[in-house]
Amino acid sequence: MKRPLTILLAGPRGFCAGVDRAVQIVEQALERHGAPVFVRHEIVHNRYVVEQLKQKGAIFVDDLAEVPDHGHVVFSAHGVPKSVPAEAARRGLAYFDATCPLVSKVHREAERHYADGRTVVLIGHEGHPEVEGTIGQLPPGAVVLVETEDDVAELSVEPGTRLAYCTQTTLSIDDAASLVAALKARFPLIAGPRTEDICYATTNRQNAVKAIANRVDAMLVVGSPSSSNSNRLVEMALSQGCPKAMLVEDEAAIDWRWLDGVRRLGVTAGASAPEALVQALVDAARRVFDVTVEETRIVDENVVFKLPRALVA
């Protein structure tokens, strides 16, 4: 007889509007121009999504030098430095920018602050593509990256330097708030964004995890190890009292013995993980346990981002 297991599905979860738009851009480019369409870096941080697009004719490259002259190329949802579209234009490449509009908003904020004579302090994770893209919107030295409160304490600026801050869109909302507070405490005149930089989807998914974390014995987050927002969901579950939480790419990565003693399991997915992976996990659990599924949805999302005109005209 199978042991009973209640699965609490956190909602919202999975694909956000920016990820959905980015995937559609690759698919529409393939439909209009035929294979191959080149994609600079992973379109989103999810192996399943990347493999699905490869099967349709997308070729993923690390550098524009790998794209043949006059080829078609898509820039990932994380955004790119200004030097990348400039190089594409110089080489005559037809390019489609799949940068999430909420990331583009941060780019425009950084440019506005720089134009106003401010040095931009960017709260984010070093090496993340979104951070590299934001830094690359401005000249070298115009953006200073901070990851921790220690970084804020050690930040060295010349007297009289005017400052502003921006944040990576996929940070922990609590961690970002503490860093913003530290910046404001040390630099009371620092300017900030007109509206919150942390994207709606990141906020909603973290709040959905908060809503169930103390009601479950364990939490599984479906997402890629390279996905910032997915990793933050694991951290959020643990910080909210969930005894244990783990990031998994798909159901094949689960050692079901990890659920020994677990009666109530929370399940969610990062913003770049499709719902198909969540349902595959639930189906796999049914083969091991007598599963009852409950869903806790804190808000309905109805955000839609338009595709580039070149793909809809």
C-alpha atoms as a PDB file:
ATOM      1  CA  MET A   1       0.000   0.000   0.000  1.00  0.00           C
ATOM      2  CA  LYS A   2       1.301   3.452  -0.941  1.00  0.00           C
ATOM      3  CA  ARG A   3       2.006   5.920   1.828  1.00  0.00           C
ATOM      4  CA  PRO A   4      -0.234   9.042   1.718  1.00  0.00           C
ATOM      5  CA  LEU A   5       1.379  12.309   0.666  1.00  0.00           C
ATOM      6  CA  THR A   6      -0.315  15.691   0.400  1.00  0.00           C
ATOM      7  CA  ILE A   7       1.261  18.019  -2.175  1.00  0.00           C
ATOM      8  CA  LEU A   8       0.648  21.742  -1.702  1.00  0.00           C
ATOM      9  CA  LEU A   9       1.205  23.548  -4.980  1.00  0.00           C
ATOM     10  CA  ALA A  10       2.291  27.165  -4.529  1.00  0.00           C
ATOM     11  CA  GLY A  11       0.669  29.644  -6.847  1.00  0.00           C
ATOM     12  CA  PRO A  12       1.730  31.576  -8.774  1.00  0.00           C
ATOM     13  CA  ARG A  13       4.661  29.443  -9.916  1.00  0.00           C
ATOM     14  CA  GLY A  14       6.576  28.749 -13.112  1.00  0.00           C
ATOM     15  CA  PHE A  15       6.753  30.838 -16.279  1.00  0.00           C
ATOM     16  CA  CYS A  16       6.488  34.607 -15.939  1.00  0.00           C
ATOM     17  CA  ALA A  17       5.498  36.998 -18.713  1.00  0.00           C
ATOM     18  CA  GLY A  18       9.122  37.873 -19.512  1.00  0.00           C
ATOM     19  CA  VAL A  19      10.139  34.232 -19.918  1.00  0.00           C
ATOM     20  CA  ASP A  20       7.038  33.438 -21.957  1.00  0.00           C
ATOM     21  CA  ARG A  21       7.812  36.385 -24.255  1.00  0.00           C
ATOM     22  CA  ALA A  22      11.457  35.336 -24.680  1.00  0.00           C
ATOM     23  CA  VAL A  23      10.529  31.780 -25.653  1.00  0.00           C
ATOM     24  CA  GLN A  24       7.900  33.073 -28.095  1.00  0.00           C
ATOM     25  CA  ILE A  25      10.486  35.362 -29.698  1.00  0.00           C
ATOM     26  CA  VAL A  26      12.743  32.396 -30.493  1.00  0.00           C
ATOM     27  CA  GLU A  27       9.800  30.332 -31.768  1.00  0.00           C
ATOM     28  CA  GLN A  28       8.478  33.183 -33.942  1.00  0.00           C
ATOM     29  CA  ALA A  29      11.942  33.906 -35.332  1.00  0.00           C
ATOM     30  CA  LEU A  30      12.263  30.234 -36.311  1.00  0.00           C
ATOM     31  CA  GLU A  31       8.806  30.239 -37.891  1.00  0.00           C
ATOM     32  CA  ARG A  32       9.467  33.383 -39.917  1.00  0.00           C
ATOM     33  CA  HIS A  33      13.085  32.852 -40.929  1.00  0.00           C
ATOM     34  CA  GLY A  34      13.596  29.126 -40.631  1.00  0.00           C
ATOM     35  CA  ALA A  35      16.362  27.263 -38.862  1.00  0.00           C
ATOM     36  CA  PRO A  36      18.892  27.983 -37.694  1.00  0.00           C
ATOM     37  CA  VAL A  37      18.203  30.926 -35.414  1.00  0.00           C
ATOM     38  CA  PHE A  38      21.091  31.638 -33.073  1.00  0.00           C
ATOM     39  CA  VAL A  39      20.544  32.519 -29.420  1.00  0.00           C
ATOM     40  CA  ARG A  40      23.251  34.307 -27.448  1.00  0.00           C
ATOM     41  CA  HIS A  41      23.494  32.457 -24.127  1.00  0.00           C
ATOM     42  CA  GLU A  42      20.599  30.476 -22.667  1.00  0.00           C
ATOM     43  CA  ILE A  43      17.361  32.255 -23.591  1.00  0.00           C
ATOM     44  CA  VAL A  44      16.264  31.560 -20.006  1.00  0.00           C
ATOM     45  CA  HIS A  45      17.906  29.515 -17.270  1.00  0.00           C
ATOM     46  CA  ASN A  46      16.188  26.195 -17.841  1.00  0.00           C
ATOM     47  CA  ARG A  47      17.691  23.136 -19.531  1.00  0.00           C
ATOM     48  CA  TYR A  48      14.290  21.700 -20.566  1.00  0.00           C
ATOM     49  CA  VAL A  49      13.314  24.931 -22.336  1.00  0.00           C
ATOM     50  CA  VAL A  50      16.704  25.159 -24.059  1.00  0.00           C
ATOM     51  CA  GLU A  51      16.514  21.547 -25.261  1.00  0.00           C
ATOM     52  CA  GLN A  52      12.982  22.052 -26.610  1.00  0.00           C
ATOM     53  CA  LEU A  53      14.131  25.066 -28.622  1.00  0.00           C
ATOM     54  CA  LYS A  54      17.190  23.211 -29.887  1.00  0.00           C
ATOM     55  CA  GLN A  55      14.890  20.546 -31.302  1.00  0.00           C
ATOM     56  CA  LYS A  56      13.048  23.279 -33.213  1.00  0.00           C
ATOM     57  CA  GLY A  57      16.259  24.605 -34.761  1.00  0.00           C
ATOM     58  CA  ALA A  58      17.723  27.090 -32.296  1.00  0.00           C
ATOM     59  CA  ILE A  59      21.501  27.096 -31.873  1.00  0.00           C
ATOM     60  CA  PHE A  60      22.827  28.472 -28.592  1.00  0.00           C
ATOM     61  CA  VAL A  61      26.156  30.295 -28.661  1.00  0.00           C
ATOM     62  CA  ASP A  62      28.307  32.030 -26.075  1.00  0.00           C
ATOM     63  CA  ASP A  63      29.593  34.765 -28.353  1.00  0.00           C
ATOM     64  CA  LEU A  64      28.404  36.640 -31.440  1.00  0.00           C
ATOM     65  CA  ALA A  65      31.596  35.515 -33.175  1.00  0.00           C
ATOM     66  CA  GLU A  66      29.933  32.097 -33.485  1.00  0.00           C
ATOM     67  CA  VAL A  67      27.055  33.556 -35.532  1.00  0.00           C
ATOM     68  CA  PRO A  68      27.657  33.627 -39.311  1.00  0.00           C
ATOM     69  CA  ASP A  69      27.386  36.926 -41.137  1.00  0.00           C
ATOM     70  CA  HIS A  70      23.795  37.950 -41.920  1.00  0.00           C
ATOM     71  CA  GLY A  71      22.470  35.321 -39.520  1.00  0.00           C
ATOM     72  CA  HIS A  72      19.493  35.791 -37.205  1.00  0.00           C
ATOM     73  CA  VAL A  73      20.246  36.034 -33.498  1.00  0.00           C
ATOM     74  CA  VAL A  74      18.171  36.439 -30.328  1.00  0.00           C
ATOM     75  CA  PHE A  75      19.474  38.069 -27.141  1.00  0.00           C
ATOM     76  CA  SER A  76      18.437  36.340 -23.922  1.00  0.00           C
ATOM     77  CA  ALA A  77      15.785  37.505 -21.456  1.00  0.00           C
ATOM     78  CA  HIS A  78      18.491  38.541 -18.990  1.00  0.00           C
ATOM     79  CA  GLY A  79      19.631  41.473 -21.127  1.00  0.00           C
ATOM     80  CA  VAL A  80      22.987  42.241 -22.737  1.00  0.00           C
ATOM     81  CA  PRO A  81      25.582  45.021 -22.554  1.00  0.00           C
ATOM     82  CA  LYS A  82      25.150  47.776 -25.156  1.00  0.00           C
ATOM     83  CA  SER A  83      28.266  46.536 -26.925  1.00  0.00           C
ATOM     84  CA  VAL A  84      26.425  43.369 -28.032  1.00  0.00           C
ATOM     85  CA  PRO A  85      23.684  44.904 -30.246  1.00  0.00           C
ATOM     86  CA  ALA A  86      26.257  47.401 -31.494  1.00  0.00           C
ATOM     87  CA  GLU A  87      28.482  44.525 -32.633  1.00  0.00           C
ATOM     88  CA  ALA A  88      25.487  42.728 -34.182  1.00  0.00           C
ATOM     89  CA  ALA A  89      24.561  45.834 -36.153  1.00  0.00           C
ATOM     90  CA  ARG A  90      28.168  46.333 -37.294  1.00  0.00           C
ATOM     91  CA  ARG A  91      28.219  42.793 -38.678  1.00  0.00           C
ATOM     92  CA  GLY A  92      24.838  43.065 -40.362  1.00  0.00           C
ATOM     93  CA  LEU A  93      23.176  40.475 -38.152  1.00  0.00           C
ATOM     94  CA  ALA A  94      19.400  40.530 -37.866  1.00  0.00           C
ATOM     95  CA  TYR A  95      18.803  40.491 -34.124  1.00  0.00           C
ATOM     96  CA  PHE A  96      15.787  40.255 -31.839  1.00  0.00           C
ATOM     97  CA  ASP A  97      16.078  41.496 -28.286  1.00  0.00           C
ATOM     98  CA  ALA A  98      14.273  39.191 -25.846  1.00  0.00           C
ATOM     99  CA  THR A  99      15.358  41.201 -22.791  1.00  0.00           C
ATOM    100  CA  CYS A 100      12.552  41.152 -20.229  1.00  0.00           C
ATOM    101  CA  PRO A 101      10.860  44.581 -20.216  1.00  0.00           C
ATOM    102  CA  LEU A 102      11.308  44.713 -16.437  1.00  0.00           C
ATOM    103  CA  VAL A 103      15.067  44.281 -16.888  1.00  0.00           C
ATOM    104  CA  SER A 104      15.011  46.963 -19.583  1.00  0.00           C
ATOM    105  CA  LYS A 105      13.313  49.226 -17.020  1.00  0.00           C
ATOM    106  CA  VAL A 106      16.349  48.833 -14.733  1.00  0.00           C
ATOM    107  CA  HIS A 107      18.638  49.638 -17.677  1.00  0.00           C
ATOM    108  CA  ARG A 108      16.765  52.869 -18.345  1.00  0.00           C
ATOM    109  CA  GLU A 109      16.879  53.799 -14.644  1.00  0.00           C
ATOM    110  CA  ALA A 110      20.645  53.301 -14.569  1.00  0.00           C
ATOM    111  CA  GLU A 111      21.017  55.483 -17.663  1.00  0.00           C
ATOM    112  CA  ARG A 112      18.808  58.182 -16.148  1.00  0.00           C
ATOM    113  CA  HIS A 113      20.819  58.274 -12.923  1.00  0.00           C
ATOM    114  CA  TYR A 114      24.100  58.398 -14.859  1.00  0.00           C
ATOM    115  CA  ALA A 115      22.800  61.248 -17.004  1.00  0.00           C
ATOM    116  CA  ASP A 116      21.932  63.081 -13.774  1.00  0.00           C
ATOM    117  CA  GLY A 117      25.553  62.779 -12.667  1.00  0.00           C
ATOM    118  CA  ARG A 118      25.172  59.914 -10.208  1.00  0.00           C
ATOM    119  CA  THR A 119      27.279  56.817  -9.660  1.00  0.00           C
ATOM    120  CA  VAL A 120      25.019  53.757  -9.751  1.00  0.00           C
ATOM    121  CA  VAL A 121      25.210  51.167  -6.971  1.00  0.00           C
ATOM    122  CA  LEU A 122      23.812  47.906  -8.321  1.00  0.00           C
ATOM    123  CA  ILE A 123      22.551  45.318  -5.827  1.00  0.00           C
ATOM    124  CA  GLY A 124      23.015  41.914  -7.427  1.00  0.00           C
ATOM    125  CA  HIS A 125      25.040  38.737  -7.876  1.00  0.00           C
ATOM    126  CA  GLU A 126      28.421  39.030  -9.551  1.00  0.00           C
ATOM    127  CA  GLY A 127      28.653  37.101 -12.811  1.00  0.00           C
ATOM    128  CA  HIS A 128      24.901  36.795 -13.352  1.00  0.00           C
ATOM    129  CA  PRO A 129      23.980  37.648 -16.977  1.00  0.00           C
ATOM    130  CA  GLU A 130      21.415  40.234 -15.869  1.00  0.00           C
ATOM    131  CA  VAL A 131      24.004  42.019 -13.729  1.00  0.00           C
ATOM    132  CA  GLU A 132      26.542  41.976 -16.562  1.00  0.00           C
ATOM    133  CA  GLY A 133      23.920  43.394 -18.913  1.00  0.00           C
ATOM    134  CA  THR A 134      22.994  46.216 -16.539  1.00  0.00           C
ATOM    135  CA  ILE A 135      26.617  47.143 -15.856  1.00  0.00           C
ATOM    136  CA  GLY A 136      27.187  47.126 -19.614  1.00  0.00           C
ATOM    137  CA  GLN A 137      24.635  49.877 -20.187  1.00  0.00           C
ATOM    138  CA  LEU A 138      27.073  52.474 -18.830  1.00  0.00           C
ATOM    139  CA  PRO A 139      30.770  53.325 -19.269  1.00  0.00           C
ATOM    140  CA  PRO A 140      33.342  51.382 -17.210  1.00  0.00           C
ATOM    141  CA  GLY A 141      33.377  52.485 -13.581  1.00  0.00           C
ATOM    142  CA  ALA A 142      29.938  54.085 -13.649  1.00  0.00           C
ATOM    143  CA  VAL A 143      28.339  51.114 -11.829  1.00  0.00           C
ATOM    144  CA  VAL A 144      29.485  49.649  -8.508  1.00  0.00           C
ATOM    145  CA  LEU A 145      28.214  46.175  -7.581  1.00  0.00           C
ATOM    146  CA  VAL A 146      27.296  45.214  -4.010  1.00  0.00           C
ATOM    147  CA  GLU A 147      26.138  41.744  -2.922  1.00  0.00           C
ATOM    148  CA  THR A 148      26.196  41.915   0.880  1.00  0.00           C
ATOM    149  CA  GLU A 149      25.850  44.367   3.747  1.00  0.00           C
ATOM    150  CA  ASP A 150      29.621  44.039   4.214  1.00  0.00           C
ATOM    151  CA  ASP A 151      30.037  45.315   0.660  1.00  0.00           C
ATOM    152  CA  VAL A 152      27.900  48.321   1.569  1.00  0.00           C
ATOM    153  CA  ALA A 153      29.982  48.981   4.691  1.00  0.00           C
ATOM    154  CA  GLU A 154      33.202  48.796   2.686  1.00  0.00           C
ATOM    155  CA  LEU A 155      31.944  50.868  -0.247  1.00  0.00           C
ATOM    156  CA  SER A 156      34.435  53.636  -0.921  1.00  0.00           C
ATOM    157  CA  VAL A 157      33.210  56.777  -2.659  1.00  0.00           C
ATOM    158  CA  GLU A 158      34.809  60.192  -3.063  1.00  0.00           C
ATOM    159  CA  PRO A 159      33.311  62.990  -0.940  1.00  0.00           C
ATOM    160  CA  GLY A 160      30.521  64.757  -2.787  1.00  0.00           C
ATOM    161  CA  THR A 161      29.769  61.770  -5.035  1.00  0.00           C
ATOM    162  CA  ARG A 162      26.076  61.593  -5.860  1.00  0.00           C
ATOM    163  CA  LEU A 163      24.713  58.041  -5.670  1.00  0.00           C
ATOM    164  CA  ALA A 164      21.714  56.058  -6.855  1.00  0.00           C
ATOM    165  CA  TYR A 165      20.861  52.396  -6.521  1.00  0.00           C
ATOM    166  CA  CYS A 166      19.229  49.771  -8.725  1.00  0.00           C
ATOM    167  CA  THR A 167      18.665  46.081  -8.068  1.00  0.00           C
ATOM    168  CA  GLN A 168      18.770  42.846 -10.007  1.00  0.00           C
ATOM    169  CA  THR A 169      15.157  41.872 -10.656  1.00  0.00           C
ATOM    170  CA  THR A 170      15.368  38.298  -9.313  1.00  0.00           C
ATOM    171  CA  LEU A 171      16.752  38.875  -5.813  1.00  0.00           C
ATOM    172  CA  SER A 172      15.208  37.794  -2.542  1.00  0.00           C
ATOM    173  CA  ILE A 173      12.778  40.572  -1.654  1.00  0.00           C
ATOM    174  CA  ASP A 174      13.870  40.412   1.992  1.00  0.00           C
ATOM    175  CA  ASP A 175      17.602  40.430   1.202  1.00  0.00           C
ATOM    176  CA  ALA A 176      17.193  43.307  -1.243  1.00  0.00           C
ATOM    177  CA  ALA A 177      15.239  45.294   1.352  1.00  0.00           C
ATOM    178  CA  SER A 178      17.992  44.843   3.947  1.00  0.00           C
ATOM    179  CA  LEU A 179      20.662  45.985   1.484  1.00  0.00           C
ATOM    180  CA  VAL A 180      18.621  49.011   0.451  1.00  0.00           C
ATOM    181  CA  ALA A 181      18.178  49.881   4.139  1.00  0.00           C
ATOM    182  CA  ALA A 182      21.941  49.564   4.679  1.00  0.00           C
ATOM    183  CA  LEU A 183      22.639  51.844   1.705  1.00  0.00           C
ATOM    184  CA  LYS A 184      20.149  54.454   2.908  1.00  0.00           C
ATOM    185  CA  ALA A 185      21.567  54.329   6.433  1.00  0.00           C
ATOM    186  CA  ARG A 186      25.084  54.973   5.162  1.00  0.00           C
ATOM    187  CA  PHE A 187      24.157  57.316   2.302  1.00  0.00           C
ATOM    188  CA  PRO A 188      20.930  59.137   3.291  1.00  0.00           C
ATOM    189  CA  LEU A 189      20.814  61.123   0.045  1.00  0.00           C
ATOM    190  CA  ILE A 190      21.091  58.081  -2.243  1.00  0.00           C
ATOM    191  CA  ALA A 191      18.436  58.077  -4.964  1.00  0.00           C
ATOM    192  CA  GLY A 192      16.370  55.000  -5.771  1.00  0.00           C
ATOM    193  CA  PRO A 193      14.087  53.679  -8.483  1.00  0.00           C
ATOM    194  CA  ARG A 194      10.744  55.324  -9.122  1.00  0.00           C
ATOM    195  CA  THR A 195       9.106  51.930  -8.680  1.00  0.00           C
ATOM    196  CA  GLU A 196      10.369  48.656  -7.208  1.00  0.00           C
ATOM    197  CA  ASP A 197      13.042  46.874  -9.268  1.00  0.00           C
ATOM    198  CA  ILE A 198      12.285  43.352  -7.983  1.00  0.00           C
ATOM    199  CA  CYS A 199       9.941  42.012 -10.642  1.00  0.00           C
ATOM    200  CA  TYR A 200       6.316  41.143  -9.936  1.00  0.00           C
ATOM    201  CA  ALA A 201       6.877  37.460 -10.717  1.00  0.00           C
ATOM    202  CA  THR A 202       9.827  37.130  -8.337  1.00  0.00           C
ATOM    203  CA  THR A 203       7.808  38.835  -5.605  1.00  0.00           C
ATOM    204  CA  ASN A 204       4.703  36.710  -6.209  1.00  0.00           C
ATOM    205  CA  ARG A 205       6.590  33.414  -6.268  1.00  0.00           C
ATOM    206  CA  GLN A 206       8.453  34.231  -3.083  1.00  0.00           C
ATOM    207  CA  ASN A 207       5.252  35.304  -1.332  1.00  0.00           C
ATOM    208  CA  ALA A 208       3.525  32.109  -2.504  1.00  0.00           C
ATOM    209  CA  VAL A 209       6.314  30.077  -0.884  1.00  0.00           C
ATOM    210  CA  LYS A 210       5.960  32.143   2.287  1.00  0.00           C
ATOM    211  CA  ALA A 211       2.258  31.277   2.358  1.00  0.00           C
ATOM    212  CA  ILE A 212       2.863  27.518   2.577  1.00  0.00           C
ATOM    213  CA  ALA A 213       6.392  27.131   4.001  1.00  0.00           C
ATOM    214  CA  ASN A 214       5.269  26.624   7.588  1.00  0.00           C
ATOM    215  CA  ARG A 215       2.473  24.253   6.546  1.00  0.00           C
ATOM    216  CA  VAL A 216       4.693  21.620   4.919  1.00  0.00           C
ATOM    217  CA  ASP A 217       7.403  19.205   6.036  1.00  0.00           C
ATOM    218  CA  ALA A 218       9.565  19.785   2.945  1.00  0.00           C
ATOM    219  CA  MET A 219       9.653  21.900  -0.210  1.00  0.00           C
ATOM    220  CA  LEU A 220      10.709  21.025  -3.742  1.00  0.00           C
ATOM    221  CA  VAL A 221      11.508  23.896  -6.102  1.00  0.00           C
ATOM    222  CA  VAL A 222      11.577  23.029  -9.795  1.00  0.00           C
ATOM    223  CA  GLY A 223      14.243  25.065 -11.541  1.00  0.00           C
ATOM    224  CA  SER A 224      17.760  25.250 -12.887  1.00  0.00           C
ATOM    225  CA  PRO A 225      20.796  25.536 -10.576  1.00  0.00           C
ATOM    226  CA  SER A 226      21.793  28.634 -12.591  1.00  0.00           C
ATOM    227  CA  SER A 227      18.404  30.302 -12.044  1.00  0.00           C
ATOM    228  CA  SER A 228      18.702  33.102  -9.492  1.00  0.00           C
ATOM    229  CA  ASN A 229      14.991  33.339  -8.739  1.00  0.00           C
ATOM    230  CA  SER A 230      14.707  29.545  -8.281  1.00  0.00           C
ATOM    231  CA  ASN A 231      17.565  29.487  -5.770  1.00  0.00           C
ATOM    232  CA  ARG A 232      15.924  32.335  -3.870  1.00  0.00           C
ATOM    233  CA  LEU A 233      12.750  30.226  -3.523  1.00  0.00           C
ATOM    234  CA  VAL A 234      14.726  27.501  -1.729  1.00  0.00           C
ATOM    235  CA  GLU A 235      16.209  30.100   0.599  1.00  0.00           C
ATOM    236  CA  MET A 236      12.794  31.630   1.217  1.00  0.00           C
ATOM    237  CA  ALA A 237      11.247  28.284   2.163  1.00  0.00           C
ATOM    238  CA  LEU A 238      13.994  27.576   4.706  1.00  0.00           C
ATOM    239  CA  SER A 239      13.871  31.087   6.157  1.00  0.00           C
ATOM    240  CA  GLN A 240      10.100  30.778   6.680  1.00  0.00           C
ATOM    241  CA  GLY A 241      10.299  27.627   8.784  1.00  0.00           C
ATOM    242  CA  CYS A 242      10.180  24.807   6.258  1.00  0.00           C
ATOM    243  CA  PRO A 243      12.349  22.007   7.759  1.00  0.00           C
ATOM    244  CA  LYS A 244      14.060  21.218   4.456  1.00  0.00           C
ATOM    245  CA  ALA A 245      13.948  22.436   0.866  1.00  0.00           C
ATOM    246  CA  MET A 246      15.689  21.381  -2.327  1.00  0.00           C
ATOM    247  CA  LEU A 247      16.078  22.617  -5.893  1.00  0.00           C
ATOM    248  CA  VAL A 248      15.502  19.983  -8.598  1.00  0.00           C
ATOM    249  CA  GLU A 249      15.663  20.338 -12.379  1.00  0.00           C
ATOM    250  CA  ASP A 250      12.992  17.703 -12.952  1.00  0.00           C
ATOM    251  CA  GLU A 251      11.387  14.634 -11.397  1.00  0.00           C
ATOM    252  CA  ALA A 252      14.296  12.424 -12.495  1.00  0.00           C
ATOM    253  CA  ALA A 253      16.567  14.310 -10.091  1.00  0.00           C
ATOM    254  CA  ILE A 254      14.527  13.359  -7.015  1.00  0.00           C
ATOM    255  CA  ASP A 255      15.673  10.689  -4.602  1.00  0.00           C
ATOM    256  CA  TRP A 256      12.305   9.795  -3.097  1.00  0.00           C
ATOM    257  CA  ARG A 257      14.021   8.621   0.082  1.00  0.00           C
ATOM    258  CA  TRP A 258      14.531  12.336   0.769  1.00  0.00           C
ATOM    259  CA  LEU A 259      10.802  12.389   1.519  1.00  0.00           C
ATOM    260  CA  ASP A 260      10.958   9.752   4.253  1.00  0.00           C
ATOM    261  CA  GLY A 261       8.753  11.020   7.060  1.00  0.00           C
ATOM    262  CA  VAL A 262       7.279  13.797   4.929  1.00  0.00           C
ATOM    263  CA  ARG A 263       3.485  13.921   4.986  1.00  0.00           C
ATOM    264  CA  ARG A 264       2.968  17.352   3.426  1.00  0.00           C
ATOM    265  CA  LEU A 265       5.185  18.443   0.537  1.00  0.00           C
ATOM    266  CA  GLY A 266       5.294  21.950  -0.908  1.00  0.00           C
ATOM    267  CA  VAL A 267       6.004  22.245  -4.626  1.00  0.00           C
ATOM    268  CA  THR A 268       6.749  25.371  -6.625  1.00  0.00           C
ATOM    269  CA  ALA A 269       8.736  26.354  -9.723  1.00  0.00           C
ATOM    270  CA  GLY A 270      11.023  29.207 -10.645  1.00  0.00           C
ATOM    271  CA  ALA A 271       9.971  31.770 -13.228  1.00  0.00           C
ATOM    272  CA  SER A 272      11.882  30.006 -16.020  1.00  0.00           C
ATOM    273  CA  ALA A 273      10.492  26.507 -15.328  1.00  0.00           C
ATOM    274  CA  PRO A 274       7.477  25.403 -17.403  1.00  0.00           C
ATOM    275  CA  GLU A 275       4.378  23.946 -15.775  1.00  0.00           C
ATOM    276  CA  ALA A 276       4.992  20.684 -17.652  1.00  0.00           C
ATOM    277  CA  LEU A 277       7.900  19.971 -15.292  1.00  0.00           C
ATOM    278  CA  VAL A 278       5.712  20.519 -12.234  1.00  0.00           C
ATOM    279  CA  GLN A 279       3.031  18.190 -13.539  1.00  0.00           C
ATOM    280  CA  ALA A 280       5.667  15.572 -14.391  1.00  0.00           C
ATOM    281  CA  LEU A 281       6.892  15.777 -10.791  1.00  0.00           C
ATOM    282  CA  VAL A 282       3.369  15.294  -9.442  1.00  0.00           C
ATOM    283  CA  ASP A 283       2.797  12.340 -11.788  1.00  0.00           C
ATOM    284  CA  ALA A 284       6.076  10.770 -10.646  1.00  0.00           C
ATOM    285  CA  ALA A 285       5.067  11.237  -7.004  1.00  0.00           C
ATOM    286  CA  ARG A 286       1.793   9.426  -7.698  1.00  0.00           C
ATOM    287  CA  ARG A 287       3.773   6.352  -8.730  1.00  0.00           C
ATOM    288  CA  VAL A 288       5.419   6.284  -5.297  1.00  0.00           C
ATOM    289  CA  PHE A 289       2.778   7.731  -2.964  1.00  0.00           C
ATOM    290  CA  ASP A 290      -0.984   7.987  -2.565  1.00  0.00           C
ATOM    291  CA  VAL A 291      -1.054  11.663  -3.542  1.00  0.00           C
ATOM    292  CA  THR A 292      -3.597  14.335  -2.687  1.00  0.00           C
ATOM    293  CA  VAL A 293      -3.014  17.687  -4.400  1.00  0.00           C
ATOM    294  CA  GLU A 294      -3.999  21.046  -2.941  1.00  0.00           C
ATOM    295  CA  GLU A 295      -3.297  24.429  -4.489  1.00  0.00           C
ATOM    296  CA  THR A 296      -2.742  27.689  -2.604  1.00  0.00           C
ATOM    297  CA  ARG A 297      -2.892  30.676  -4.945  1.00  0.00           C
ATOM    298  CA  ILE A 298      -2.190  34.075  -3.423  1.00  0.00           C
ATOM    299  CA  VAL A 299      -2.784  36.165  -6.556  1.00  0.00           C
ATOM    300  CA  ASP A 300      -3.753  35.748 -10.212  1.00  0.00           C
ATOM    301  CA  GLU A 301      -1.239  37.040 -12.744  1.00  0.00           C
ATOM    302  CA  ASN A 302      -2.453  38.616 -15.976  1.00  0.00           C
ATOM    303  CA  VAL A 303       0.711  40.354 -17.174  1.00  0.00           C
ATOM    304  CA  VAL A 304       1.496  39.997 -20.890  1.00  0.00           C
ATOM    305  CA  PHE A 305       4.453  41.560 -22.711  1.00  0.00           C
ATOM    306  CA  LYS A 306       4.218  42.304 -26.431  1.00  0.00           C
ATOM    307  CA  LEU A 307       6.546  40.713 -28.964  1.00  0.00           C
ATOM    308  CA  PRO A 308       8.928  42.904 -31.018  1.00  0.00           C
ATOM    309  CA  ARG A 309       7.219  44.551 -33.971  1.00  0.00           C
ATOM    310  CA  ALA A 310       9.529  42.775 -36.410  1.00  0.00           C
ATOM    311  CA  LEU A 311       7.952  39.466 -35.379  1.00  0.00           C
ATOM    312  CA  VAL A 312       4.288  40.492 -35.439  1.00  0.00           C
ATOM    313  CA  ALA A 313       4.113  42.887 -38.411  1.00  0.00           C
END
